[in-house]
Amino acid sequence: MTLQVSAHHSDVFKVFADLNHPNLIHSCGKDKNLNCYDIKTQKKATIQSLKNGFITGIAQKKTKPFEIGIYF
């Protein structure tokens, strides 16, 4: 299956599948947004935005709770 997602307004530099929910894809980009996309329903699940600064990376804890960390 091939799926194209247009969730960001500029370059994307990190994308990964959720460890706890494999149908969720997390991405961050130069547009200061962290997006979560559900590939099963083909809809955005959540969006987080920064007003100031830049997101330099994202990661997910490998132990419970499987939180997403944002690096500035």
PDB file of N, CA and C in Angstrom:
ATOM      1  N   MET A   1       0.841  -1.177   0.000  1.00  0.00           N
ATOM      2  CA  MET A   1       0.000   0.000   0.000  1.00  0.00           C
ATOM      3  C   MET A   1       0.885   1.238   0.000  1.00  0.00           C
ATOM      4  N   THR A   2       0.558   2.199  -0.841  1.00  0.00           N
ATOM      5  CA  THR A   2       1.267   3.462  -0.901  1.00  0.00           C
ATOM      6  C   THR A   2       0.314   4.567  -0.491  1.00  0.00           C
ATOM      7  N   LEU A   3       0.801   5.463   0.339  1.00  0.00           N
ATOM      8  CA  LEU A   3      -0.023   6.552   0.847  1.00  0.00           C
ATOM      9  C   LEU A   3       0.791   7.826   0.848  1.00  0.00           C
ATOM     10  N   GLN A   4       0.252   8.892   0.293  1.00  0.00           N
ATOM     11  CA  GLN A   4       0.914  10.189   0.313  1.00  0.00           C
ATOM     12  C   GLN A   4       0.165  11.091   1.279  1.00  0.00           C
ATOM     13  N   VAL A   5       0.914  11.690   2.199  1.00  0.00           N
ATOM     14  CA  VAL A   5       0.334  12.553   3.217  1.00  0.00           C
ATOM     15  C   VAL A   5       0.882  13.964   3.026  1.00  0.00           C
ATOM     16  N   SER A   6       0.003  14.939   2.943  1.00  0.00           N
ATOM     17  CA  SER A   6       0.407  16.347   2.827  1.00  0.00           C
ATOM     18  C   SER A   6       0.022  17.058   4.118  1.00  0.00           C
ATOM     19  N   ALA A   7       0.816  16.861   5.151  1.00  0.00           N
ATOM     20  CA  ALA A   7       0.477  17.406   6.465  1.00  0.00           C
ATOM     21  C   ALA A   7       1.318  18.614   6.845  1.00  0.00           C
ATOM     22  N   HIS A   8       2.437  18.829   6.166  1.00  0.00           N
ATOM     23  CA  HIS A   8       3.337  19.931   6.507  1.00  0.00           C
ATOM     24  C   HIS A   8       3.357  20.970   5.393  1.00  0.00           C
ATOM     25  N   HIS A   9       3.768  22.195   5.785  1.00  0.00           N
ATOM     26  CA  HIS A   9       3.844  23.303   4.830  1.00  0.00           C
ATOM     27  C   HIS A   9       5.273  23.583   4.394  1.00  0.00           C
ATOM     28  N   SER A  10       6.240  22.802   4.892  1.00  0.00           N
ATOM     29  CA  SER A  10       7.633  22.944   4.493  1.00  0.00           C
ATOM     30  C   SER A  10       8.328  21.590   4.659  1.00  0.00           C
ATOM     31  N   ASP A  11       9.652  21.598   4.581  1.00  0.00           N
ATOM     32  CA  ASP A  11      10.417  20.353   4.626  1.00  0.00           C
ATOM     33  C   ASP A  11      10.159  19.556   5.899  1.00  0.00           C
ATOM     34  N   VAL A  12      10.096  18.238   5.758  1.00  0.00           N
ATOM     35  CA  VAL A  12       9.930  17.309   6.871  1.00  0.00           C
ATOM     36  C   VAL A  12      11.289  16.664   7.120  1.00  0.00           C
ATOM     37  N   PHE A  13      11.707  16.585   8.396  1.00  0.00           N
ATOM     38  CA  PHE A  13      13.016  16.002   8.662  1.00  0.00           C
ATOM     39  C   PHE A  13      12.984  14.785   9.574  1.00  0.00           C
ATOM     40  N   LYS A  14      11.827  14.391  10.101  1.00  0.00           N
ATOM     41  CA  LYS A  14      11.758  13.175  10.928  1.00  0.00           C
ATOM     42  C   LYS A  14      10.372  12.563  10.781  1.00  0.00           C
ATOM     43  N   VAL A  15      10.316  11.263  10.503  1.00  0.00           N
ATOM     44  CA  VAL A  15       9.064  10.512  10.395  1.00  0.00           C
ATOM     45  C   VAL A  15       9.297   9.140  11.014  1.00  0.00           C
ATOM     46  N   PHE A  16       8.361   8.681  11.864  1.00  0.00           N
ATOM     47  CA  PHE A  16       8.462   7.332  12.397  1.00  0.00           C
ATOM     48  C   PHE A  16       7.093   6.816  12.814  1.00  0.00           C
ATOM     49  N   ALA A  17       6.973   5.492  12.856  1.00  0.00           N
ATOM     50  CA  ALA A  17       5.733   4.841  13.289  1.00  0.00           C
ATOM     51  C   ALA A  17       5.698   4.786  14.809  1.00  0.00           C
ATOM     52  N   ASP A  18       4.503   4.914  15.369  1.00  0.00           N
ATOM     53  CA  ASP A  18       4.307   4.853  16.809  1.00  0.00           C
ATOM     54  C   ASP A  18       4.618   3.445  17.314  1.00  0.00           C
ATOM     55  N   LEU A  19       5.290   3.346  18.453  1.00  0.00           N
ATOM     56  CA  LEU A  19       5.653   2.038  19.013  1.00  0.00           C
ATOM     57  C   LEU A  19       4.456   1.282  19.573  1.00  0.00           C
ATOM     58  N   ASN A  20       3.473   1.998  20.093  1.00  0.00           N
ATOM     59  CA  ASN A  20       2.312   1.377  20.727  1.00  0.00           C
ATOM     60  C   ASN A  20       1.139   1.194  19.759  1.00  0.00           C
ATOM     61  N   HIS A  21       1.020   2.085  18.790  1.00  0.00           N
ATOM     62  CA  HIS A  21      -0.064   2.042  17.798  1.00  0.00           C
ATOM     63  C   HIS A  21       0.560   2.113  16.400  1.00  0.00           C
ATOM     64  N   PRO A  22       0.826   0.979  15.748  1.00  0.00           N
ATOM     65  CA  PRO A  22       1.523   0.975  14.466  1.00  0.00           C
ATOM     66  C   PRO A  22       0.781   1.681  13.330  1.00  0.00           C
ATOM     67  N   ASN A  23      -0.500   1.979  13.518  1.00  0.00           N
ATOM     68  CA  ASN A  23      -1.246   2.697  12.485  1.00  0.00           C
ATOM     69  C   ASN A  23      -1.017   4.212  12.572  1.00  0.00           C
ATOM     70  N   LEU A  24      -0.289   4.688  13.590  1.00  0.00           N
ATOM     71  CA  LEU A  24      -0.018   6.115  13.736  1.00  0.00           C
ATOM     72  C   LEU A  24       1.399   6.438  13.260  1.00  0.00           C
ATOM     73  N   ILE A  25       1.504   7.517  12.485  1.00  0.00           N
ATOM     74  CA  ILE A  25       2.782   8.004  11.977  1.00  0.00           C
ATOM     75  C   ILE A  25       3.007   9.397  12.543  1.00  0.00           C
ATOM     76  N   HIS A  26       4.192   9.635  13.126  1.00  0.00           N
ATOM     77  CA  HIS A  26       4.542  10.937  13.676  1.00  0.00           C
ATOM     78  C   HIS A  26       5.550  11.599  12.747  1.00  0.00           C
ATOM     79  N   SER A  27       5.416  12.905  12.565  1.00  0.00           N
ATOM     80  CA  SER A  27       6.366  13.636  11.733  1.00  0.00           C
ATOM     81  C   SER A  27       6.547  15.048  12.267  1.00  0.00           C
ATOM     82  N   CYS A  28       7.731  15.608  12.009  1.00  0.00           N
ATOM     83  CA  CYS A  28       7.978  17.006  12.352  1.00  0.00           C
ATOM     84  C   CYS A  28       8.729  17.641  11.199  1.00  0.00           C
ATOM     85  N   GLY A  29       8.574  18.965  11.082  1.00  0.00           N
ATOM     86  CA  GLY A  29       9.197  19.655   9.974  1.00  0.00           C
ATOM     87  C   GLY A  29       9.586  21.072  10.312  1.00  0.00           C
ATOM     88  N   LYS A  30      10.129  21.751   9.308  1.00  0.00           N
ATOM     89  CA  LYS A  30      10.582  23.126   9.479  1.00  0.00           C
ATOM     90  C   LYS A  30       9.437  24.110   9.683  1.00  0.00           C
ATOM     91  N   ASP A  31       8.196  23.669   9.489  1.00  0.00           N
ATOM     92  CA  ASP A  31       7.032  24.537   9.704  1.00  0.00           C
ATOM     93  C   ASP A  31       6.639  24.628  11.178  1.00  0.00           C
ATOM     94  N   LYS A  32       7.492  24.077  12.081  1.00  0.00           N
ATOM     95  CA  LYS A  32       7.289  24.116  13.534  1.00  0.00           C
ATOM     96  C   LYS A  32       6.099  23.276  13.988  1.00  0.00           C
ATOM     97  N   ASN A  33       5.727  22.265  13.209  1.00  0.00           N
ATOM     98  CA  ASN A  33       4.588  21.411  13.551  1.00  0.00           C
ATOM     99  C   ASN A  33       5.033  19.986  13.827  1.00  0.00           C
ATOM    100  N   LEU A  34       4.378  19.382  14.806  1.00  0.00           N
ATOM    101  CA  LEU A  34       4.488  17.956  15.072  1.00  0.00           C
ATOM    102  C   LEU A  34       3.131  17.365  14.717  1.00  0.00           C
ATOM    103  N   ASN A  35       3.101  16.495  13.729  1.00  0.00           N
ATOM    104  CA  ASN A  35       1.850  15.906  13.265  1.00  0.00           C
ATOM    105  C   ASN A  35       1.799  14.423  13.600  1.00  0.00           C
ATOM    106  N   CYS A  36       0.593  13.963  13.873  1.00  0.00           N
ATOM    107  CA  CYS A  36       0.332  12.543  14.064  1.00  0.00           C
ATOM    108  C   CYS A  36      -0.777  12.183  13.080  1.00  0.00           C
ATOM    109  N   TYR A  37      -0.509  11.213  12.232  1.00  0.00           N
ATOM    110  CA  TYR A  37      -1.432  10.842  11.167  1.00  0.00           C
ATOM    111  C   TYR A  37      -1.819   9.383  11.336  1.00  0.00           C
ATOM    112  N   ASP A  38      -3.107   9.093  11.274  1.00  0.00           N
ATOM    113  CA  ASP A  38      -3.614   7.728  11.383  1.00  0.00           C
ATOM    114  C   ASP A  38      -3.764   7.160   9.972  1.00  0.00           C
ATOM    115  N   ILE A  39      -2.919   6.190   9.617  1.00  0.00           N
ATOM    116  CA  ILE A  39      -2.975   5.646   8.257  1.00  0.00           C
ATOM    117  C   ILE A  39      -4.161   4.706   8.060  1.00  0.00           C
ATOM    118  N   LYS A  40      -4.754   4.234   9.143  1.00  0.00           N
ATOM    119  CA  LYS A  40      -5.933   3.367   9.032  1.00  0.00           C
ATOM    120  C   LYS A  40      -7.157   4.174   8.600  1.00  0.00           C
ATOM    121  N   THR A  41      -7.358   5.330   9.244  1.00  0.00           N
ATOM    122  CA  THR A  41      -8.502   6.189   8.904  1.00  0.00           C
ATOM    123  C   THR A  41      -8.140   7.245   7.871  1.00  0.00           C
ATOM    124  N   GLN A  42      -6.842   7.392   7.573  1.00  0.00           N
ATOM    125  CA  GLN A  42      -6.307   8.386   6.641  1.00  0.00           C
ATOM    126  C   GLN A  42      -6.700   9.806   7.056  1.00  0.00           C
ATOM    127  N   LYS A  43      -6.554  10.092   8.355  1.00  0.00           N
ATOM    128  CA  LYS A  43      -6.855  11.413   8.897  1.00  0.00           C
ATOM    129  C   LYS A  43      -5.771  11.829   9.886  1.00  0.00           C
ATOM    130  N   LYS A  44      -5.606  13.146  10.044  1.00  0.00           N
ATOM    131  CA  LYS A  44      -4.707  13.659  11.058  1.00  0.00           C
ATOM    132  C   LYS A  44      -5.290  13.334  12.426  1.00  0.00           C
ATOM    133  N   ALA A  45      -4.466  12.786  13.307  1.00  0.00           N
ATOM    134  CA  ALA A  45      -4.923  12.464  14.654  1.00  0.00           C
ATOM    135  C   ALA A  45      -4.703  13.654  15.583  1.00  0.00           C
ATOM    136  N   THR A  46      -3.517  14.237  15.557  1.00  0.00           N
ATOM    137  CA  THR A  46      -3.218  15.419  16.371  1.00  0.00           C
ATOM    138  C   THR A  46      -2.206  16.294  15.660  1.00  0.00           C
ATOM    139  N   ILE A  47      -2.198  17.555  16.040  1.00  0.00           N
ATOM    140  CA  ILE A  47      -1.202  18.504  15.544  1.00  0.00           C
ATOM    141  C   ILE A  47      -0.755  19.359  16.720  1.00  0.00           C
ATOM    142  N   GLN A  48       0.541  19.516  16.885  1.00  0.00           N
ATOM    143  CA  GLN A  48       1.091  20.438  17.872  1.00  0.00           C
ATOM    144  C   GLN A  48       1.989  21.412  17.139  1.00  0.00           C
ATOM    145  N   SER A  49       1.875  22.700  17.481  1.00  0.00           N
ATOM    146  CA  SER A  49       2.651  23.736  16.815  1.00  0.00           C
ATOM    147  C   SER A  49       3.420  24.566  17.820  1.00  0.00           C
ATOM    148  N   LEU A  50       4.575  25.040  17.393  1.00  0.00           N
ATOM    149  CA  LEU A  50       5.351  25.993  18.171  1.00  0.00           C
ATOM    150  C   LEU A  50       5.145  27.381  17.611  1.00  0.00           C
ATOM    151  N   LYS A  51       5.062  28.373  18.480  1.00  0.00           N
ATOM    152  CA  LYS A  51       4.977  29.756  18.017  1.00  0.00           C
ATOM    153  C   LYS A  51       6.367  30.333  17.834  1.00  0.00           C
ATOM    154  N   ASN A  52       7.265  30.007  18.746  1.00  0.00           N
ATOM    155  CA  ASN A  52       8.643  30.514  18.700  1.00  0.00           C
ATOM    156  C   ASN A  52       9.614  29.350  18.702  1.00  0.00           C
ATOM    157  N   GLY A  53      10.780  29.564  18.158  1.00  0.00           N
ATOM    158  CA  GLY A  53      11.806  28.537  18.147  1.00  0.00           C
ATOM    159  C   GLY A  53      11.634  27.562  17.000  1.00  0.00           C
ATOM    160  N   PHE A  54      12.387  26.475  17.078  1.00  0.00           N
ATOM    161  CA  PHE A  54      12.373  25.461  16.037  1.00  0.00           C
ATOM    162  C   PHE A  54      12.372  24.080  16.671  1.00  0.00           C
ATOM    163  N   ILE A  55      11.685  23.150  16.052  1.00  0.00           N
ATOM    164  CA  ILE A  55      11.756  21.751  16.451  1.00  0.00           C
ATOM    165  C   ILE A  55      12.980  21.164  15.757  1.00  0.00           C
ATOM    166  N   THR A  56      13.877  20.568  16.524  1.00  0.00           N
ATOM    167  CA  THR A  56      15.076  19.980  15.923  1.00  0.00           C
ATOM    168  C   THR A  56      14.986  18.459  15.831  1.00  0.00           C
ATOM    169  N   GLY A  57      13.999  17.869  16.501  1.00  0.00           N
ATOM    170  CA  GLY A  57      13.836  16.427  16.434  1.00  0.00           C
ATOM    171  C   GLY A  57      12.713  15.951  17.331  1.00  0.00           C
ATOM    172  N   ILE A  58      12.301  14.713  17.116  1.00  0.00           N
ATOM    173  CA  ILE A  58      11.284  14.076  17.955  1.00  0.00           C
ATOM    174  C   ILE A  58      11.722  12.637  18.203  1.00  0.00           C
ATOM    175  N   ALA A  59      11.286  12.087  19.319  1.00  0.00           N
ATOM    176  CA  ALA A  59      11.593  10.699  19.658  1.00  0.00           C
ATOM    177  C   ALA A  59      10.466  10.163  20.529  1.00  0.00           C
ATOM    178  N   GLN A  60      10.371   8.856  20.620  1.00  0.00           N
ATOM    179  CA  GLN A  60       9.347   8.227  21.449  1.00  0.00           C
ATOM    180  C   GLN A  60      10.015   7.307  22.456  1.00  0.00           C
ATOM    181  N   LYS A  61       9.543   7.368  23.713  1.00  0.00           N
ATOM    182  CA  LYS A  61      10.057   6.469  24.748  1.00  0.00           C
ATOM    183  C   LYS A  61       9.724   5.033  24.371  1.00  0.00           C
ATOM    184  N   LYS A  62      10.640   4.128  24.659  1.00  0.00           N
ATOM    185  CA  LYS A  62      10.426   2.712  24.352  1.00  0.00           C
ATOM    186  C   LYS A  62       9.830   1.956  25.523  1.00  0.00           C
ATOM    187  N   THR A  63       9.531   2.668  26.618  1.00  0.00           N
ATOM    188  CA  THR A  63       8.881   2.070  27.779  1.00  0.00           C
ATOM    189  C   THR A  63       7.602   2.847  28.069  1.00  0.00           C
ATOM    190  N   LYS A  64       6.674   2.221  28.786  1.00  0.00           N
ATOM    191  CA  LYS A  64       5.410   2.878  29.099  1.00  0.00           C
ATOM    192  C   LYS A  64       5.648   4.028  30.054  1.00  0.00           C
ATOM    193  N   PRO A  65       4.963   5.140  29.937  1.00  0.00           N
ATOM    194  CA  PRO A  65       4.074   5.500  28.834  1.00  0.00           C
ATOM    195  C   PRO A  65       4.884   5.871  27.600  1.00  0.00           C
ATOM    196  N   PHE A  66       4.401   5.526  26.447  1.00  0.00           N
ATOM    197  CA  PHE A  66       5.104   5.736  25.180  1.00  0.00           C
ATOM    198  C   PHE A  66       4.952   7.191  24.735  1.00  0.00           C
ATOM    199  N   GLU A  67       5.573   8.109  25.479  1.00  0.00           N
ATOM    200  CA  GLU A  67       5.420   9.533  25.206  1.00  0.00           C
ATOM    201  C   GLU A  67       6.305   9.954  24.039  1.00  0.00           C
ATOM    202  N   ILE A  68       5.843  10.995  23.350  1.00  0.00           N
ATOM    203  CA  ILE A  68       6.610  11.598  22.258  1.00  0.00           C
ATOM    204  C   ILE A  68       7.355  12.787  22.839  1.00  0.00           C
ATOM    205  N   GLY A  69       8.655  12.861  22.611  1.00  0.00           N
ATOM    206  CA  GLY A  69       9.461  13.982  23.076  1.00  0.00           C
ATOM    207  C   GLY A  69       9.805  14.893  21.930  1.00  0.00           C
ATOM    208  N   ILE A  70       9.741  16.179  22.170  1.00  0.00           N
ATOM    209  CA  ILE A  70      10.074  17.184  21.156  1.00  0.00           C
ATOM    210  C   ILE A  70      11.376  17.855  21.591  1.00  0.00           C
ATOM    211  N   TYR A  71      12.340  17.948  20.678  1.00  0.00           N
ATOM    212  CA  TYR A  71      13.608  18.622  20.950  1.00  0.00           C
ATOM    213  C   TYR A  71      13.604  19.980  20.278  1.00  0.00           C
ATOM    214  N   PHE A  72      14.066  20.986  21.017  1.00  0.00           N
ATOM    215  CA  PHE A  72      14.104  22.355  20.491  1.00  0.00           C
ATOM    216  C   PHE A  72      15.529  22.748  20.198  1.00  0.00           C
TER     217      PHE A  72
END
